[in-house]
Amino acid sequence: MAKHKIKPFIPLPPRRSCGKVRYDSEREAKLVAEQQELIFTNNNLQLKVYHCPYCGGWHLTKRQDDVPNCGGMTPKATGIVIN
């Protein structure tokens, strides 16, 4: 009978969290932003999507300035994309 080598399961390291809802892609974040804007049309909600240099994910913000605050971390200006 042949012996099979079993590779141990090595979990991936956990993603850093900045305490906000994290979206894996810009596209996913934009879709959620559009849905939220439609739901809260009466409140004139305007959301922006930006990349978080701390956790590597995408977040939504209501802030209208250029550099969103990412969980109290100081974001690098070059690492943020606001659309």
C-alpha atoms as a PDB file:
ATOM      1  CA  MET A   1       0.000   0.000   0.000  1.00  0.00           C
ATOM      2  CA  ALA A   2       1.396   3.402  -1.016  1.00  0.00           C
ATOM      3  CA  LYS A   3       1.801   6.096   1.564  1.00  0.00           C
ATOM      4  CA  HIS A   4       0.452   9.522   0.701  1.00  0.00           C
ATOM      5  CA  LYS A   5       2.066  12.641   1.979  1.00  0.00           C
ATOM      6  CA  ILE A   6      -0.440  14.983   3.501  1.00  0.00           C
ATOM      7  CA  LYS A   7       0.440  18.637   3.425  1.00  0.00           C
ATOM      8  CA  PRO A   8      -0.527  20.462   6.591  1.00  0.00           C
ATOM      9  CA  PHE A   9      -3.098  23.220   6.327  1.00  0.00           C
ATOM     10  CA  ILE A  10      -1.394  26.546   6.895  1.00  0.00           C
ATOM     11  CA  PRO A  11      -3.905  29.366   7.320  1.00  0.00           C
ATOM     12  CA  LEU A  12      -3.244  32.679   5.696  1.00  0.00           C
ATOM     13  CA  PRO A  13      -2.299  35.484   8.049  1.00  0.00           C
ATOM     14  CA  PRO A  14      -5.319  37.543   9.082  1.00  0.00           C
ATOM     15  CA  ARG A  15      -5.879  40.832   7.308  1.00  0.00           C
ATOM     16  CA  ARG A  16      -5.249  43.938   9.287  1.00  0.00           C
ATOM     17  CA  SER A  17      -8.410  45.684  10.260  1.00  0.00           C
ATOM     18  CA  CYS A  18      -8.954  49.385  10.583  1.00  0.00           C
ATOM     19  CA  GLY A  19     -12.396  48.923  12.136  1.00  0.00           C
ATOM     20  CA  LYS A  20     -14.429  49.796   9.054  1.00  0.00           C
ATOM     21  CA  VAL A  21     -16.488  47.708   6.666  1.00  0.00           C
ATOM     22  CA  ARG A  22     -13.969  46.327   4.175  1.00  0.00           C
ATOM     23  CA  TYR A  23     -14.730  45.560   0.536  1.00  0.00           C
ATOM     24  CA  ASP A  24     -12.336  43.341  -1.405  1.00  0.00           C
ATOM     25  CA  SER A  25     -12.536  45.302  -4.652  1.00  0.00           C
ATOM     26  CA  GLU A  26     -13.233  48.796  -5.869  1.00  0.00           C
ATOM     27  CA  ARG A  27     -16.068  47.413  -7.989  1.00  0.00           C
ATOM     28  CA  GLU A  28     -17.770  45.813  -4.982  1.00  0.00           C
ATOM     29  CA  ALA A  29     -17.470  49.030  -2.968  1.00  0.00           C
ATOM     30  CA  LYS A  30     -18.907  51.093  -5.835  1.00  0.00           C
ATOM     31  CA  LEU A  31     -21.890  48.750  -6.163  1.00  0.00           C
ATOM     32  CA  VAL A  32     -22.655  49.027  -2.451  1.00  0.00           C
ATOM     33  CA  ALA A  33     -22.256  52.816  -2.602  1.00  0.00           C
ATOM     34  CA  GLU A  34     -24.745  53.025  -5.472  1.00  0.00           C
ATOM     35  CA  GLN A  35     -27.233  50.840  -3.579  1.00  0.00           C
ATOM     36  CA  GLN A  36     -26.921  52.947  -0.426  1.00  0.00           C
ATOM     37  CA  GLU A  37     -27.357  56.174  -2.391  1.00  0.00           C
ATOM     38  CA  LEU A  38     -30.555  54.777  -3.946  1.00  0.00           C
ATOM     39  CA  ILE A  39     -31.910  53.620  -0.576  1.00  0.00           C
ATOM     40  CA  PHE A  40     -31.205  56.971   1.087  1.00  0.00           C
ATOM     41  CA  THR A  41     -32.189  59.200  -1.849  1.00  0.00           C
ATOM     42  CA  ASN A  42     -34.292  61.454   0.410  1.00  0.00           C
ATOM     43  CA  ASN A  43     -31.223  62.207   2.562  1.00  0.00           C
ATOM     44  CA  ASN A  44     -29.172  63.293  -0.464  1.00  0.00           C
ATOM     45  CA  LEU A  45     -26.453  60.780   0.483  1.00  0.00           C
ATOM     46  CA  GLN A  46     -23.254  61.012  -1.570  1.00  0.00           C
ATOM     47  CA  LEU A  47     -20.627  58.331  -0.968  1.00  0.00           C
ATOM     48  CA  LYS A  48     -17.047  58.114  -2.160  1.00  0.00           C
ATOM     49  CA  VAL A  49     -15.011  54.948  -2.555  1.00  0.00           C
ATOM     50  CA  TYR A  50     -11.372  54.904  -1.492  1.00  0.00           C
ATOM     51  CA  HIS A  51      -8.532  52.428  -1.080  1.00  0.00           C
ATOM     52  CA  CYS A  52      -7.252  51.948   2.472  1.00  0.00           C
ATOM     53  CA  PRO A  53      -3.466  51.806   2.771  1.00  0.00           C
ATOM     54  CA  TYR A  54      -3.773  50.224   6.222  1.00  0.00           C
ATOM     55  CA  CYS A  55      -5.923  47.117   5.550  1.00  0.00           C
ATOM     56  CA  GLY A  56      -5.576  46.986   1.762  1.00  0.00           C
ATOM     57  CA  GLY A  57      -9.330  46.961   1.236  1.00  0.00           C
ATOM     58  CA  TRP A  58     -11.832  49.471  -0.073  1.00  0.00           C
ATOM     59  CA  HIS A  59     -14.118  51.632   2.056  1.00  0.00           C
ATOM     60  CA  LEU A  60     -16.983  54.083   1.669  1.00  0.00           C
ATOM     61  CA  THR A  61     -17.062  57.579   3.103  1.00  0.00           C
ATOM     62  CA  LYS A  62     -19.467  60.499   3.242  1.00  0.00           C
ATOM     63  CA  ARG A  63     -16.583  62.924   3.740  1.00  0.00           C
ATOM     64  CA  GLN A  64     -16.020  65.308   0.875  1.00  0.00           C
ATOM     65  CA  ASP A  65     -12.395  66.194   1.586  1.00  0.00           C
ATOM     66  CA  ASP A  66      -9.533  64.556  -0.296  1.00  0.00           C
ATOM     67  CA  VAL A  67      -8.011  62.353   2.429  1.00  0.00           C
ATOM     68  CA  PRO A  68     -10.431  60.158   4.385  1.00  0.00           C
ATOM     69  CA  ASN A  69      -9.514  59.099   7.911  1.00  0.00           C
ATOM     70  CA  CYS A  70      -8.903  55.367   7.876  1.00  0.00           C
ATOM     71  CA  GLY A  71      -9.571  53.987  11.349  1.00  0.00           C
ATOM     72  CA  GLY A  72      -7.446  56.585  13.069  1.00  0.00           C
ATOM     73  CA  MET A  73      -4.444  55.665  10.919  1.00  0.00           C
ATOM     74  CA  THR A  74      -2.616  58.285   8.933  1.00  0.00           C
ATOM     75  CA  PRO A  75      -3.047  57.309   5.282  1.00  0.00           C
ATOM     76  CA  LYS A  76      -0.301  57.885   2.774  1.00  0.00           C
ATOM     77  CA  ALA A  77      -1.534  60.430   0.274  1.00  0.00           C
ATOM     78  CA  THR A  78      -0.166  58.365  -2.614  1.00  0.00           C
ATOM     79  CA  GLY A  79      -2.013  55.210  -1.494  1.00  0.00           C
ATOM     80  CA  ILE A  80      -5.528  56.571  -1.660  1.00  0.00           C
ATOM     81  CA  VAL A  81      -7.749  56.520  -4.699  1.00  0.00           C
ATOM     82  CA  ILE A  82     -10.962  58.481  -4.458  1.00  0.00           C
ATOM     83  CA  ASN A  83     -13.509  58.175  -7.203  1.00  0.00           C
END
